N, C-alpha and C. Protein backbone atom coordinates (compact mmCIF):
# COMPACT_ATOMS: atom_id res chain seq x y z
N MET A 1 18.87 -1.95 -3.42
CA MET A 1 20.28 -1.32 -3.31
C MET A 1 21.52 -2.42 -3.00
N ALA A 2 22.48 -2.78 -3.65
CA ALA A 2 23.55 -3.43 -3.02
C ALA A 2 23.91 -3.75 -2.31
N LEU A 3 24.27 -4.69 -1.36
CA LEU A 3 25.26 -4.66 -0.25
C LEU A 3 26.04 -3.65 0.21
N SER A 4 27.45 -3.43 -1.02
CA SER A 4 28.21 -2.69 -1.11
C SER A 4 28.03 -1.18 -0.56
N GLU A 5 26.99 -0.73 -1.24
CA GLU A 5 26.30 0.50 -0.83
C GLU A 5 26.04 0.73 0.93
N TRP A 6 24.97 -0.26 1.39
CA TRP A 6 24.79 -0.33 2.29
C TRP A 6 26.15 -0.57 3.37
N ARG A 7 27.09 -0.84 2.95
CA ARG A 7 28.40 -1.24 3.95
C ARG A 7 29.12 -0.38 3.52
N SER A 8 29.18 0.88 2.69
CA SER A 8 29.69 2.14 2.16
C SER A 8 29.19 3.06 3.48
N ILE A 9 27.78 3.29 3.29
CA ILE A 9 27.13 4.28 4.32
C ILE A 9 27.29 3.84 5.72
N PHE A 10 27.13 2.37 6.22
CA PHE A 10 27.72 2.12 7.19
C PHE A 10 28.91 2.10 8.00
N SER A 11 29.63 2.33 7.28
CA SER A 11 30.99 2.33 7.19
C SER A 11 31.18 4.24 8.15
N ILE A 12 30.40 4.98 7.44
CA ILE A 12 30.49 6.23 7.59
C ILE A 12 29.64 6.84 8.83
N LYS A 13 28.56 5.81 8.91
CA LYS A 13 27.94 6.06 9.80
C LYS A 13 28.45 5.38 11.08
N GLY A 14 29.03 4.74 11.07
CA GLY A 14 29.67 3.65 12.26
C GLY A 14 30.68 4.65 12.37
N LYS A 15 31.11 5.95 12.01
CA LYS A 15 32.47 6.08 13.01
C LYS A 15 32.30 6.50 14.09
N LYS A 16 30.95 6.84 14.48
CA LYS A 16 30.07 6.90 16.24
C LYS A 16 30.32 6.05 16.79
N LEU A 17 30.95 4.89 16.71
CA LEU A 17 30.87 3.66 17.17
C LEU A 17 32.27 3.44 17.93
N LYS A 18 32.37 2.70 19.37
CA LYS A 18 33.86 2.62 20.13
C LYS A 18 34.79 2.35 18.83
N GLN A 19 35.69 3.52 18.87
CA GLN A 19 37.03 3.17 18.19
C GLN A 19 37.77 1.83 18.66
N GLY A 20 38.54 1.08 17.26
CA GLY A 20 39.06 -0.11 17.82
C GLY A 20 37.78 -1.41 17.44
N ASP A 21 36.72 -1.39 17.73
CA ASP A 21 35.95 -2.19 17.27
C ASP A 21 35.54 -2.67 15.97
N TYR A 22 35.46 -3.71 15.59
CA TYR A 22 35.03 -3.77 13.73
C TYR A 22 33.51 -4.17 13.60
N TRP A 23 33.06 -3.57 13.02
CA TRP A 23 31.68 -4.26 12.61
C TRP A 23 31.59 -4.57 11.30
N LEU A 24 30.56 -5.65 11.00
CA LEU A 24 30.52 -5.90 10.17
C LEU A 24 28.94 -5.89 9.77
N LEU A 25 28.32 -5.28 8.43
CA LEU A 25 26.72 -5.85 7.98
C LEU A 25 26.76 -6.75 6.83
N MET A 26 25.65 -7.49 6.94
CA MET A 26 25.48 -8.41 6.22
C MET A 26 23.94 -8.50 6.16
N PHE A 27 23.37 -8.88 4.69
CA PHE A 27 22.01 -9.00 4.34
C PHE A 27 21.62 -10.68 4.62
N ASP A 28 20.29 -11.07 5.73
CA ASP A 28 19.77 -11.96 5.97
C ASP A 28 18.38 -12.21 5.68
N GLU A 29 18.15 -12.95 4.83
CA GLU A 29 16.91 -13.23 4.27
C GLU A 29 16.35 -13.63 5.58
N ASN A 30 16.51 -15.02 6.32
CA ASN A 30 16.14 -15.70 6.87
C ASN A 30 15.99 -15.39 8.64
N LEU A 31 16.17 -13.73 8.37
CA LEU A 31 16.26 -13.67 10.00
C LEU A 31 14.94 -13.60 10.35
N VAL A 32 14.59 -13.56 11.84
CA VAL A 32 13.04 -13.84 11.96
C VAL A 32 12.85 -12.81 12.98
N PRO A 33 11.99 -11.54 12.89
CA PRO A 33 11.58 -10.86 13.85
C PRO A 33 11.12 -11.12 14.95
N ASP A 34 11.61 -10.55 16.19
CA ASP A 34 11.36 -11.06 17.53
C ASP A 34 11.94 -12.54 17.88
N SER A 35 12.96 -12.99 16.99
CA SER A 35 13.39 -13.81 17.78
C SER A 35 14.93 -13.73 17.50
N PRO A 36 15.74 -12.71 17.85
CA PRO A 36 17.04 -12.66 17.88
C PRO A 36 17.80 -13.79 18.75
N ASP A 37 19.05 -14.06 18.11
CA ASP A 37 19.85 -15.66 18.60
C ASP A 37 19.97 -14.79 20.03
N LEU A 38 20.28 -15.90 21.00
CA LEU A 38 20.78 -15.61 22.28
C LEU A 38 22.25 -14.44 22.34
N GLY A 39 22.10 -13.54 23.25
CA GLY A 39 23.17 -12.22 23.08
C GLY A 39 22.74 -11.35 22.10
N TRP A 40 22.01 -11.49 21.05
CA TRP A 40 21.70 -10.74 19.99
C TRP A 40 20.52 -9.55 20.20
N LYS A 41 20.64 -8.09 19.77
CA LYS A 41 19.73 -7.06 20.08
C LYS A 41 19.32 -7.17 18.67
N GLN A 42 18.10 -6.50 18.93
CA GLN A 42 16.97 -6.18 17.66
C GLN A 42 16.68 -4.84 17.32
N TYR A 43 16.35 -4.40 16.51
CA TYR A 43 15.82 -3.21 16.07
C TYR A 43 15.07 -3.22 14.74
N ILE A 44 13.73 -2.99 14.55
CA ILE A 44 13.19 -2.42 13.65
C ILE A 44 12.57 -1.15 13.50
N ARG A 45 12.39 -1.25 12.03
CA ARG A 45 12.13 0.43 11.65
C ARG A 45 11.78 0.28 10.37
N ASN A 46 10.88 1.04 9.81
CA ASN A 46 10.14 0.88 8.77
C ASN A 46 10.45 2.16 7.83
N THR A 47 10.65 2.15 6.37
CA THR A 47 11.05 3.32 5.72
C THR A 47 10.26 3.26 4.40
N CYS A 48 10.68 4.14 3.62
CA CYS A 48 10.04 4.28 2.60
C CYS A 48 10.65 3.91 1.20
N ALA A 49 10.36 3.17 0.02
CA ALA A 49 11.31 2.53 -0.83
C ALA A 49 10.15 2.10 -2.22
N ARG A 50 10.88 1.85 -2.88
CA ARG A 50 9.96 1.84 -4.73
C ARG A 50 10.11 0.05 -4.49
N PHE A 51 9.37 -0.27 -5.73
CA PHE A 51 9.46 -1.93 -5.88
C PHE A 51 9.18 -1.98 -7.61
N ASN A 52 9.44 -3.19 -8.00
CA ASN A 52 9.28 -3.61 -9.29
C ASN A 52 9.11 -4.73 -9.66
N CYS A 53 7.95 -5.23 -10.39
CA CYS A 53 7.55 -6.16 -10.64
C CYS A 53 8.37 -7.35 -11.66
N THR A 54 9.13 -8.31 -11.19
CA THR A 54 9.85 -8.53 -12.46
C THR A 54 9.26 -9.54 -13.13
N LYS A 55 7.70 -9.78 -12.92
CA LYS A 55 7.02 -10.70 -13.85
C LYS A 55 6.05 -9.35 -14.85
N CYS A 56 5.47 -8.03 -14.95
CA CYS A 56 5.07 -7.65 -15.44
C CYS A 56 5.65 -5.93 -15.63
N GLY A 57 6.61 -5.68 -14.69
CA GLY A 57 7.47 -4.37 -14.75
C GLY A 57 6.72 -3.61 -14.56
N ARG A 58 5.33 -3.85 -13.47
CA ARG A 58 4.69 -2.60 -13.10
C ARG A 58 5.46 -1.69 -11.47
N GLY A 59 5.83 -0.88 -11.33
CA GLY A 59 6.42 -0.47 -9.94
C GLY A 59 5.57 0.19 -9.35
N TRP A 60 5.68 0.51 -8.30
CA TRP A 60 5.03 1.42 -7.24
C TRP A 60 5.60 1.80 -5.60
N PRO A 61 5.38 2.68 -5.18
CA PRO A 61 6.23 3.46 -4.41
C PRO A 61 5.32 2.86 -2.75
N SER A 62 6.24 2.42 -1.82
CA SER A 62 5.55 2.05 -0.45
C SER A 62 6.23 2.94 0.71
N ASN A 63 5.28 3.68 1.43
CA ASN A 63 6.23 4.40 2.74
C ASN A 63 5.89 3.38 4.00
N ARG A 64 5.72 1.81 3.75
CA ARG A 64 5.58 1.29 4.70
C ARG A 64 6.25 -0.32 4.23
N VAL A 65 7.71 0.01 4.41
CA VAL A 65 8.61 -1.22 3.94
C VAL A 65 9.49 -1.32 5.60
N MET A 66 9.38 -2.42 5.82
CA MET A 66 9.74 -2.90 7.23
C MET A 66 11.30 -3.32 6.99
N VAL A 67 12.33 -2.77 8.10
CA VAL A 67 13.62 -3.42 7.64
C VAL A 67 14.02 -3.85 9.13
N VAL A 68 14.35 -5.23 9.51
CA VAL A 68 14.80 -5.18 10.86
C VAL A 68 16.34 -5.89 10.54
N PHE A 69 16.65 -5.30 12.09
CA PHE A 69 18.38 -5.75 12.51
C PHE A 69 18.36 -6.20 13.72
N HIS A 70 19.13 -7.41 13.65
CA HIS A 70 19.92 -7.62 14.34
C HIS A 70 21.26 -7.40 14.54
N MET A 71 21.59 -7.14 15.83
CA MET A 71 23.25 -6.87 16.24
C MET A 71 24.23 -7.30 17.22
N CYS A 72 25.12 -8.11 17.43
CA CYS A 72 25.75 -8.56 18.52
C CYS A 72 27.26 -7.73 18.08
N LEU A 73 27.61 -7.62 19.61
CA LEU A 73 29.00 -7.17 19.65
C LEU A 73 29.47 -8.23 20.93
N THR A 74 30.79 -9.15 20.49
CA THR A 74 31.65 -10.00 20.81
C THR A 74 33.11 -9.33 20.92
N ARG A 75 33.46 -9.56 22.25
CA ARG A 75 35.21 -8.84 21.87
C ARG A 75 35.53 -8.15 21.27
N GLY A 76 35.09 -6.94 20.46
CA GLY A 76 35.44 -5.92 19.84
C GLY A 76 34.93 -6.31 18.57
N VAL A 77 34.05 -7.13 18.18
CA VAL A 77 33.68 -7.45 16.55
C VAL A 77 32.07 -7.54 16.67
N GLY A 78 31.82 -6.64 16.12
CA GLY A 78 30.28 -6.33 15.96
C GLY A 78 29.65 -6.89 14.58
N ILE A 79 28.34 -7.65 14.92
CA ILE A 79 27.71 -8.43 13.32
C ILE A 79 26.27 -7.75 13.39
N VAL A 80 26.06 -7.13 12.75
CA VAL A 80 24.94 -6.52 12.08
C VAL A 80 24.19 -7.38 11.00
N LYS A 81 22.80 -7.78 11.06
CA LYS A 81 22.14 -9.02 9.68
C LYS A 81 21.00 -7.92 9.89
N VAL A 82 20.89 -7.81 8.74
CA VAL A 82 19.78 -6.74 7.79
C VAL A 82 18.82 -7.72 7.18
N ARG A 83 17.41 -7.69 7.22
CA ARG A 83 16.42 -8.20 6.28
C ARG A 83 15.46 -6.92 5.87
N ARG A 84 15.30 -6.81 4.74
CA ARG A 84 14.65 -5.99 3.49
C ARG A 84 13.35 -7.15 3.63
N PHE A 85 12.30 -6.44 4.34
CA PHE A 85 10.72 -6.79 3.82
C PHE A 85 10.34 -6.79 2.40
N ARG A 86 9.55 -7.88 2.03
CA ARG A 86 9.43 -7.39 0.89
C ARG A 86 7.96 -7.49 0.02
N GLN A 87 7.45 -6.97 -0.87
CA GLN A 87 6.29 -6.92 -1.12
C GLN A 87 5.96 -7.52 -2.83
N ASN A 88 4.69 -7.93 -3.20
CA ASN A 88 4.52 -8.17 -4.60
C ASN A 88 3.38 -7.47 -5.00
N CYS A 89 3.24 -7.74 -6.25
CA CYS A 89 2.60 -7.39 -7.10
C CYS A 89 0.94 -7.27 -7.07
N LYS A 90 0.10 -6.36 -7.02
CA LYS A 90 -1.07 -6.57 -6.89
C LYS A 90 -2.17 -6.98 -8.59
N MET A 91 -1.39 -7.02 -9.15
CA MET A 91 -1.62 -7.01 -10.64
C MET A 91 -1.51 -8.12 -11.17
N CYS A 92 -0.32 -8.73 -11.05
CA CYS A 92 -0.37 -10.42 -11.45
C CYS A 92 -0.49 -11.46 -9.97
N ASP A 93 -1.22 -12.24 -11.34
CA ASP A 93 -1.65 -13.81 -10.50
C ASP A 93 -0.06 -14.40 -9.73
N GLU A 94 0.14 -14.60 -8.61
CA GLU A 94 0.93 -15.52 -8.34
C GLU A 94 2.68 -14.82 -8.65
N ALA A 95 2.64 -13.29 -8.16
CA ALA A 95 3.36 -12.48 -8.69
C ALA A 95 4.54 -12.79 -7.43
N PRO A 96 5.78 -12.77 -7.69
CA PRO A 96 7.06 -12.85 -6.66
C PRO A 96 7.23 -12.03 -5.72
N MET A 97 7.51 -12.46 -4.63
CA MET A 97 7.75 -11.19 -3.44
C MET A 97 8.98 -10.25 -4.07
N GLU A 98 8.91 -8.75 -4.04
CA GLU A 98 10.48 -7.93 -4.49
C GLU A 98 10.97 -7.44 -3.63
N THR A 99 12.03 -7.34 -3.71
CA THR A 99 12.85 -6.65 -2.72
C THR A 99 13.32 -4.97 -3.12
N ALA A 100 13.05 -4.38 -1.98
CA ALA A 100 12.64 -2.92 -2.46
C ALA A 100 13.87 -2.47 -2.47
N SER A 101 13.73 -1.24 -3.13
CA SER A 101 15.07 -0.30 -3.73
C SER A 101 14.76 1.27 -2.73
N ILE A 102 15.55 1.09 -2.05
CA ILE A 102 15.46 1.87 -0.93
C ILE A 102 16.84 2.97 -1.76
N SER A 103 16.33 4.29 -1.35
CA SER A 103 17.47 5.57 -2.00
C SER A 103 18.25 5.63 -0.89
N SER A 104 19.73 5.83 -1.67
CA SER A 104 20.27 6.41 -0.70
C SER A 104 20.28 6.86 0.89
N GLU A 105 19.87 8.18 0.32
CA GLU A 105 19.69 9.06 1.33
C GLU A 105 18.85 8.33 2.26
N ASN A 106 17.64 7.31 2.54
CA ASN A 106 16.78 6.76 3.33
C ASN A 106 17.73 5.40 4.09
N ILE A 107 18.67 5.50 3.34
CA ILE A 107 19.58 3.73 3.64
C ILE A 107 20.53 4.54 4.67
N GLY A 108 21.26 6.17 4.37
CA GLY A 108 21.53 6.85 5.40
C GLY A 108 20.94 7.24 6.55
N ILE A 109 19.86 7.44 6.64
CA ILE A 109 19.08 7.51 7.61
C ILE A 109 18.48 6.19 8.30
N LEU A 110 18.32 5.02 8.08
CA LEU A 110 17.82 3.56 8.35
C LEU A 110 19.30 3.58 8.97
N LEU A 111 20.51 3.66 8.60
CA LEU A 111 21.53 2.99 9.14
C LEU A 111 22.14 4.15 10.31
N GLU A 112 22.06 5.63 10.18
CA GLU A 112 22.28 6.52 11.26
C GLU A 112 21.52 6.03 12.80
N ASN A 113 19.98 5.82 12.26
CA ASN A 113 19.24 4.97 13.15
C ASN A 113 19.54 4.08 14.05
N LEU A 114 19.99 2.99 13.35
CA LEU A 114 20.83 1.81 13.70
C LEU A 114 22.05 2.16 14.71
N VAL A 115 22.95 2.59 14.00
CA VAL A 115 24.19 3.17 14.58
C VAL A 115 23.95 3.84 16.29
N GLU A 116 22.80 4.61 16.05
CA GLU A 116 22.45 4.89 17.45
C GLU A 116 22.09 4.53 18.32
N LYS A 117 21.24 2.96 17.83
CA LYS A 117 20.52 1.75 18.96
C LYS A 117 21.29 0.92 18.95
N ILE A 118 22.64 0.93 18.22
CA ILE A 118 24.20 -0.05 18.73
C ILE A 118 24.58 0.63 19.44
N ARG A 119 24.93 1.95 20.06
CA ARG A 119 25.35 2.67 20.78
C ARG A 119 24.62 2.46 22.13
N ILE A 120 23.38 2.75 21.84
CA ILE A 120 22.33 2.15 23.57
C ILE A 120 22.20 0.90 23.61
N LYS A 121 22.19 -0.25 22.73
CA LYS A 121 22.21 -1.77 22.95
C LYS A 121 23.15 -2.35 23.13
N CYS A 122 24.43 -1.62 22.58
CA CYS A 122 25.55 -3.06 22.60
C CYS A 122 26.60 -2.12 23.68
N TYR A 123 26.42 -1.10 23.67
CA TYR A 123 27.76 -0.01 24.34
C TYR A 123 27.01 0.48 25.82
N HIS A 124 25.99 0.64 25.58
CA HIS A 124 24.64 0.91 27.25
C HIS A 124 25.11 2.52 27.20
N GLU A 125 25.28 3.01 26.09
CA GLU A 125 25.23 4.89 25.91
C GLU A 125 23.83 5.11 26.29
N ASN A 126 23.87 6.60 27.09
CA ASN A 126 22.17 6.94 27.16
C ASN A 126 22.28 8.23 26.34
N LEU A 127 21.45 8.01 25.38
CA LEU A 127 21.45 9.19 24.52
C LEU A 127 19.64 9.47 23.79
N GLY A 128 19.06 8.79 24.86
CA GLY A 128 17.68 9.45 24.94
C GLY A 128 16.98 8.40 24.13
N THR A 129 15.96 9.13 23.51
CA THR A 129 15.33 8.55 22.41
C THR A 129 14.96 9.66 21.03
N GLY A 130 14.99 8.93 20.15
CA GLY A 130 14.71 9.86 18.82
C GLY A 130 14.96 9.04 17.62
N ASN A 131 14.53 8.86 16.49
CA ASN A 131 14.90 8.57 15.55
C ASN A 131 14.27 9.64 13.66
N ARG A 132 15.50 9.57 13.63
CA ARG A 132 15.28 10.61 12.19
C ARG A 132 14.44 9.81 11.72
N HIS A 133 13.24 10.89 10.63
CA HIS A 133 12.51 10.50 9.65
C HIS A 133 13.10 10.15 8.44
N PHE A 134 12.44 9.23 7.57
CA PHE A 134 12.83 8.78 6.50
C PHE A 134 11.91 9.87 5.55
N VAL A 135 12.74 10.17 4.03
CA VAL A 135 11.94 10.73 3.34
C VAL A 135 10.81 10.03 2.72
N SER A 136 9.45 10.55 2.80
CA SER A 136 8.36 9.72 2.24
C SER A 136 8.05 10.16 0.48
N LEU A 137 7.59 8.86 0.25
CA LEU A 137 7.36 9.27 -1.18
C LEU A 137 5.91 9.48 -1.37
N ASP A 138 5.59 9.97 -2.65
CA ASP A 138 3.98 10.39 -2.94
C ASP A 138 3.49 9.08 -2.98
N VAL A 139 2.61 8.61 -2.46
CA VAL A 139 2.03 7.05 -2.33
C VAL A 139 0.29 7.43 -2.84
N LYS A 140 0.17 7.04 -4.05
CA LYS A 140 -1.63 7.46 -4.36
C LYS A 140 -2.77 6.25 -3.90
N SER A 141 -2.30 5.17 -3.43
CA SER A 141 -2.94 4.26 -3.07
C SER A 141 -2.40 3.52 -1.78
N PRO A 142 -3.60 3.25 -0.85
CA PRO A 142 -3.09 2.66 0.49
C PRO A 142 -2.67 1.42 0.54
N HIS A 143 -1.46 0.94 1.71
CA HIS A 143 -0.78 0.03 1.89
C HIS A 143 -1.67 -1.66 1.72
N GLU A 144 -1.37 -2.36 1.41
CA GLU A 144 -2.25 -3.50 0.88
C GLU A 144 -1.75 -4.83 1.57
N PRO A 145 -2.10 -5.03 2.92
CA PRO A 145 -1.36 -5.80 3.87
C PRO A 145 -1.30 -7.22 2.85
N GLU A 146 -2.18 -7.90 1.82
CA GLU A 146 -1.81 -8.86 1.60
C GLU A 146 -1.26 -9.32 0.12
N HIS A 147 -0.29 -8.18 0.45
CA HIS A 147 1.09 -7.98 -0.49
C HIS A 147 2.26 -7.69 0.01
N CYS A 148 2.20 -7.77 1.21
CA CYS A 148 3.31 -7.69 2.37
C CYS A 148 4.11 -8.47 3.00
N GLU A 149 4.94 -8.67 3.08
CA GLU A 149 5.49 -10.07 3.49
C GLU A 149 5.53 -9.64 5.00
N ALA A 150 6.05 -8.56 5.46
CA ALA A 150 6.00 -8.05 7.04
C ALA A 150 4.65 -7.88 7.66
N CYS A 151 3.32 -7.82 6.81
CA CYS A 151 2.11 -8.02 7.12
C CYS A 151 1.43 -9.36 7.34
N LYS A 152 2.02 -9.90 6.88
CA LYS A 152 1.89 -11.37 6.70
C LYS A 152 2.66 -11.96 8.55
N LEU A 153 3.58 -11.33 8.52
CA LEU A 153 4.27 -11.69 9.85
C LEU A 153 3.97 -11.27 10.95
N GLY A 154 3.21 -10.11 10.91
CA GLY A 154 2.62 -9.39 11.92
C GLY A 154 3.21 -8.45 12.41
N ILE A 155 4.23 -7.70 11.82
CA ILE A 155 5.38 -6.88 12.21
C ILE A 155 5.09 -5.24 11.46
N CYS A 156 4.23 -5.41 10.40
CA CYS A 156 4.59 -4.32 9.33
C CYS A 156 3.78 -2.96 10.40
N ALA A 157 3.13 -2.98 11.15
CA ALA A 157 2.52 -1.76 11.76
C ALA A 157 3.51 -1.21 12.67
N ARG A 158 4.94 -2.09 13.03
CA ARG A 158 5.28 -1.45 14.02
C ARG A 158 6.51 -0.43 13.27
N SER A 159 7.38 0.38 14.03
CA SER A 159 8.17 1.24 13.51
C SER A 159 9.16 1.63 14.83
């Protein structure tokens, strides 16, 4: 999904954040899980999505698509960096890693959970614990770690 859709949904979900603060959301494919910059907080979540191979056209669903968020609030300005982990086609030799196509509904769920984490980690609100679960897809084959970018970095099993 385009960054504009993510930003639009984030602005709606972000209305629960402190009034007067400004939050910006951006994609960052260089984000390193478990290594947020000093003063930044991390949130890792998995969702479901579809992938399409740009080499052969094959598509596949996955219920194990990892998304990492790093967030920071400084003097009323918040920044959220997002990395969506990719997968590649098991049928093609030297298949490129493909970016997930996440439904608007699941982007909404991811960002609603993110806003809750921002409230806890950046505003120190006591909201308890709990995440809304994503809408799963009908997946016919098991997750294949050798084709998953997040598995190769050791974070895929986390949610």
